[in-house]
Each structure stands twice: as structure tokens, then as C-alpha cells.
Amino acid sequence: MNKYKFRNNLVQVLHAKYENFQDVRFIITTDMEEGKAHNSKDDYMRLSIFSEGNLGGRLLTIEQVVNMFSSLAPLYPLWIKVYFKEEGIVELNTSLRFRKPSVIKYKETGHPPFTVVE
């Protein structure tokens, strides 16, 4: 997977709710998945890109989100749960385990690693 495929997958998810996704803002939350094995790349992303000091409840644009998640391309989070919050706000709850596209979850949705949570 690359940055553009990741962005396209996110856009597919957004089209389920929004016709114009350019005005949508994102909140990123993380899930440490206690008891799961993390490697040094996972720790790097957790301590730098996805640190509380960097995220801190900020509202991000789609381009900022894509750039953050693409920092280790071709490695991407194992999964990302999408929650449609109030109008124009989407929460992305992400695994902090970054893996190759061959092991990323939710391939059956057609837009891995995303799954929409109702």
C-alpha cells in the first residue's frame, strides 16, 4: 500500500456518509492493544507521530491524516475503526501496530485497514 491507496481507501469510507469530504475534520485516538507484541517501528510511531502531545484532540484535515498515517509507508496500522461523530467530525481509532499490507485487517471491506463502527 502507498499513501495514495491509503487516501483512496479513506475516501471510500467517507463516501458512506459524506458527499463532500473536504470539509470533514478528524480526531485520531489510539489503542495500545495491551498484551500484543509491538516492535521498534510501532514504538517510534507511538512516541512521535501519535503521541498525546502531537494529537491532543486536534481536529485534522484529510491531508494531515494521510500524511501522519503514511509516515512509515508501506507499513500502515493493522486496523483503523471509523466512528462518524457529530456532523463533519470523524474519529479514527487506530491500532499502533504498523504492518505490511499483506497482514492488514478488513481487506474484505474493500478499503483496508478501515472498518466503520456504528
C-alpha atoms as a PDB file:
ATOM      1  CA  MET A   1       0.000   0.000   0.000  1.00  0.00           C
ATOM      2  CA  ASN A   2       1.134   3.539  -0.564  1.00  0.00           C
ATOM      3  CA  LYS A   3      -0.045   6.967   0.510  1.00  0.00           C
ATOM      4  CA  TYR A   4      -2.434   7.334  -2.437  1.00  0.00           C
ATOM      5  CA  LYS A   5      -4.065   3.918  -1.960  1.00  0.00           C
ATOM      6  CA  PHE A   6      -4.471   4.674   1.748  1.00  0.00           C
ATOM      7  CA  ARG A   7      -6.116   8.021   0.931  1.00  0.00           C
ATOM      8  CA  ASN A   8      -8.433   6.382  -1.599  1.00  0.00           C
ATOM      9  CA  ASN A   9      -9.478   3.784   0.979  1.00  0.00           C
ATOM     10  CA  LEU A  10     -10.254   6.536   3.494  1.00  0.00           C
ATOM     11  CA  VAL A  11     -12.252   8.456   0.886  1.00  0.00           C
ATOM     12  CA  GLN A  12     -14.308   5.318   0.122  1.00  0.00           C
ATOM     13  CA  VAL A  13     -15.225   5.071   3.792  1.00  0.00           C
ATOM     14  CA  LEU A  14     -16.151   8.757   3.961  1.00  0.00           C
ATOM     15  CA  HIS A  15     -18.454   8.492   0.937  1.00  0.00           C
ATOM     16  CA  ALA A  16     -20.731   6.269   3.032  1.00  0.00           C
ATOM     17  CA  LYS A  17     -21.752   9.391   4.941  1.00  0.00           C
ATOM     18  CA  TYR A  18     -20.404  12.478   3.173  1.00  0.00           C
ATOM     19  CA  GLU A  19     -20.683  13.551  -0.433  1.00  0.00           C
ATOM     20  CA  ASN A  20     -18.113  16.316   0.071  1.00  0.00           C
ATOM     21  CA  PHE A  21     -15.417  15.042   2.417  1.00  0.00           C
ATOM     22  CA  GLN A  22     -13.090  18.055   2.078  1.00  0.00           C
ATOM     23  CA  ASP A  23     -14.836  19.829   4.981  1.00  0.00           C
ATOM     24  CA  VAL A  24     -14.662  16.785   7.268  1.00  0.00           C
ATOM     25  CA  ARG A  25     -12.271  17.033  10.217  1.00  0.00           C
ATOM     26  CA  PHE A  26     -10.707  14.095  12.024  1.00  0.00           C
ATOM     27  CA  ILE A  27      -9.837  13.229  15.590  1.00  0.00           C
ATOM     28  CA  ILE A  28      -7.294  10.436  15.979  1.00  0.00           C
ATOM     29  CA  THR A  29      -7.380   8.214  19.057  1.00  0.00           C
ATOM     30  CA  THR A  30      -5.058   5.294  19.678  1.00  0.00           C
ATOM     31  CA  ASP A  31      -5.439   1.804  21.095  1.00  0.00           C
ATOM     32  CA  MET A  32      -2.319   0.289  22.664  1.00  0.00           C
ATOM     33  CA  GLU A  33      -3.809  -3.227  22.412  1.00  0.00           C
ATOM     34  CA  GLU A  34      -2.378  -4.427  25.703  1.00  0.00           C
ATOM     35  CA  GLY A  35      -0.837  -7.875  25.513  1.00  0.00           C
ATOM     36  CA  LYS A  36       0.012  -7.568  21.809  1.00  0.00           C
ATOM     37  CA  ALA A  37       3.580  -7.512  20.514  1.00  0.00           C
ATOM     38  CA  HIS A  38       4.884  -4.115  19.439  1.00  0.00           C
ATOM     39  CA  ASN A  39       8.140  -3.609  17.554  1.00  0.00           C
ATOM     40  CA  SER A  40      10.532  -0.659  17.417  1.00  0.00           C
ATOM     41  CA  LYS A  41       8.691   0.941  14.476  1.00  0.00           C
ATOM     42  CA  ASP A  42       5.430   0.756  16.411  1.00  0.00           C
ATOM     43  CA  ASP A  43       7.124   2.422  19.373  1.00  0.00           C
ATOM     44  CA  TYR A  44       8.567   5.137  17.139  1.00  0.00           C
ATOM     45  CA  MET A  45       5.115   5.986  15.773  1.00  0.00           C
ATOM     46  CA  ARG A  46       3.530   5.871  19.252  1.00  0.00           C
ATOM     47  CA  LEU A  47       6.141   8.141  20.804  1.00  0.00           C
ATOM     48  CA  SER A  48       6.405  10.652  17.964  1.00  0.00           C
ATOM     49  CA  ILE A  49       3.631  10.891  15.371  1.00  0.00           C
ATOM     50  CA  PHE A  50       0.800   9.508  17.508  1.00  0.00           C
ATOM     51  CA  SER A  51       1.878  10.901  20.873  1.00  0.00           C
ATOM     52  CA  GLU A  52      -0.691  12.649  23.036  1.00  0.00           C
ATOM     53  CA  GLY A  53       1.303  15.854  22.715  1.00  0.00           C
ATOM     54  CA  ASN A  54       1.061  15.710  18.930  1.00  0.00           C
ATOM     55  CA  LEU A  55      -2.572  14.583  18.702  1.00  0.00           C
ATOM     56  CA  GLY A  56      -4.092  16.112  21.827  1.00  0.00           C
ATOM     57  CA  GLY A  57      -7.646  16.214  20.492  1.00  0.00           C
ATOM     58  CA  ARG A  58      -6.628  18.281  17.439  1.00  0.00           C
ATOM     59  CA  LEU A  59      -9.010  18.463  14.506  1.00  0.00           C
ATOM     60  CA  LEU A  60      -7.105  17.391  11.398  1.00  0.00           C
ATOM     61  CA  THR A  61      -7.743  17.674   7.661  1.00  0.00           C
ATOM     62  CA  ILE A  62      -7.752  14.636   5.409  1.00  0.00           C
ATOM     63  CA  GLU A  63      -4.307  15.555   4.069  1.00  0.00           C
ATOM     64  CA  GLN A  64      -2.859  15.824   7.578  1.00  0.00           C
ATOM     65  CA  VAL A  65      -4.348  12.428   8.456  1.00  0.00           C
ATOM     66  CA  VAL A  66      -2.968  10.775   5.318  1.00  0.00           C
ATOM     67  CA  ASN A  67       0.486  12.244   5.913  1.00  0.00           C
ATOM     68  CA  MET A  68       0.542  11.111   9.551  1.00  0.00           C
ATOM     69  CA  PHE A  69      -0.518   7.561   8.766  1.00  0.00           C
ATOM     70  CA  SER A  70       1.875   7.350   5.798  1.00  0.00           C
ATOM     71  CA  SER A  71       4.983   8.125   7.834  1.00  0.00           C
ATOM     72  CA  LEU A  72       6.143   4.503   7.644  1.00  0.00           C
ATOM     73  CA  ALA A  73       4.744   3.618   4.206  1.00  0.00           C
ATOM     74  CA  PRO A  74       4.391   0.880   3.056  1.00  0.00           C
ATOM     75  CA  LEU A  75       3.627  -0.045   6.682  1.00  0.00           C
ATOM     76  CA  TYR A  76       0.180   1.006   7.939  1.00  0.00           C
ATOM     77  CA  PRO A  77      -1.863   0.369  11.097  1.00  0.00           C
ATOM     78  CA  LEU A  78      -3.186  -3.156  11.453  1.00  0.00           C
ATOM     79  CA  TRP A  79      -6.703  -1.673  11.690  1.00  0.00           C
ATOM     80  CA  ILE A  80      -8.484   1.683  11.947  1.00  0.00           C
ATOM     81  CA  LYS A  81     -12.010   1.925  13.364  1.00  0.00           C
ATOM     82  CA  VAL A  82     -14.065   4.793  11.931  1.00  0.00           C
ATOM     83  CA  TYR A  83     -16.720   6.496  14.071  1.00  0.00           C
ATOM     84  CA  PHE A  84     -18.944   9.146  12.496  1.00  0.00           C
ATOM     85  CA  LYS A  85     -19.450  11.641  15.297  1.00  0.00           C
ATOM     86  CA  GLU A  86     -21.335  14.921  15.069  1.00  0.00           C
ATOM     87  CA  GLU A  87     -21.744  16.448  11.616  1.00  0.00           C
ATOM     88  CA  GLY A  88     -18.384  16.936   9.957  1.00  0.00           C
ATOM     89  CA  ILE A  89     -16.336  15.138  12.651  1.00  0.00           C
ATOM     90  CA  VAL A  90     -14.902  11.649  12.204  1.00  0.00           C
ATOM     91  CA  GLU A  91     -12.976   9.769  14.879  1.00  0.00           C
ATOM     92  CA  LEU A  92     -10.279   7.378  13.712  1.00  0.00           C
ATOM     93  CA  ASN A  93      -9.392   4.912  16.465  1.00  0.00           C
ATOM     94  CA  THR A  94      -6.191   3.243  15.353  1.00  0.00           C
ATOM     95  CA  SER A  95      -4.048   0.288  16.216  1.00  0.00           C
ATOM     96  CA  LEU A  96      -0.489   1.296  16.985  1.00  0.00           C
ATOM     97  CA  ARG A  97       0.877  -1.852  15.353  1.00  0.00           C
ATOM     98  CA  PHE A  98       2.162  -0.969  11.881  1.00  0.00           C
ATOM     99  CA  ARG A  99       2.345  -3.880   9.457  1.00  0.00           C
ATOM    100  CA  LYS A 100       2.769  -4.839   5.794  1.00  0.00           C
ATOM    101  CA  PRO A 101      -0.338  -4.656   3.573  1.00  0.00           C
ATOM    102  CA  SER A 102      -0.470  -8.469   3.416  1.00  0.00           C
ATOM    103  CA  VAL A 103      -1.404  -8.709   7.116  1.00  0.00           C
ATOM    104  CA  ILE A 104      -3.586  -5.600   7.475  1.00  0.00           C
ATOM    105  CA  LYS A 105      -7.149  -6.365   8.604  1.00  0.00           C
ATOM    106  CA  TYR A 106     -10.507  -5.622   6.964  1.00  0.00           C
ATOM    107  CA  LYS A 107      -9.475  -6.483   3.403  1.00  0.00           C
ATOM    108  CA  GLU A 108     -12.986  -7.837   2.897  1.00  0.00           C
ATOM    109  CA  THR A 109     -14.404  -4.306   3.192  1.00  0.00           C
ATOM    110  CA  GLY A 110     -12.603  -3.267   0.024  1.00  0.00           C
ATOM    111  CA  HIS A 111     -10.891  -0.412   1.874  1.00  0.00           C
ATOM    112  CA  PRO A 112      -8.433  -1.850   4.383  1.00  0.00           C
ATOM    113  CA  PRO A 113      -7.440  -1.101   7.130  1.00  0.00           C
ATOM    114  CA  PHE A 114     -10.700   0.769   7.755  1.00  0.00           C
ATOM    115  CA  THR A 115     -13.893  -0.531   9.299  1.00  0.00           C
ATOM    116  CA  VAL A 116     -16.913   1.602  10.119  1.00  0.00           C
ATOM    117  CA  VAL A 117     -18.280   1.165  13.652  1.00  0.00           C
ATOM    118  CA  GLU A 118     -21.946   2.056  14.098  1.00  0.00           C
END
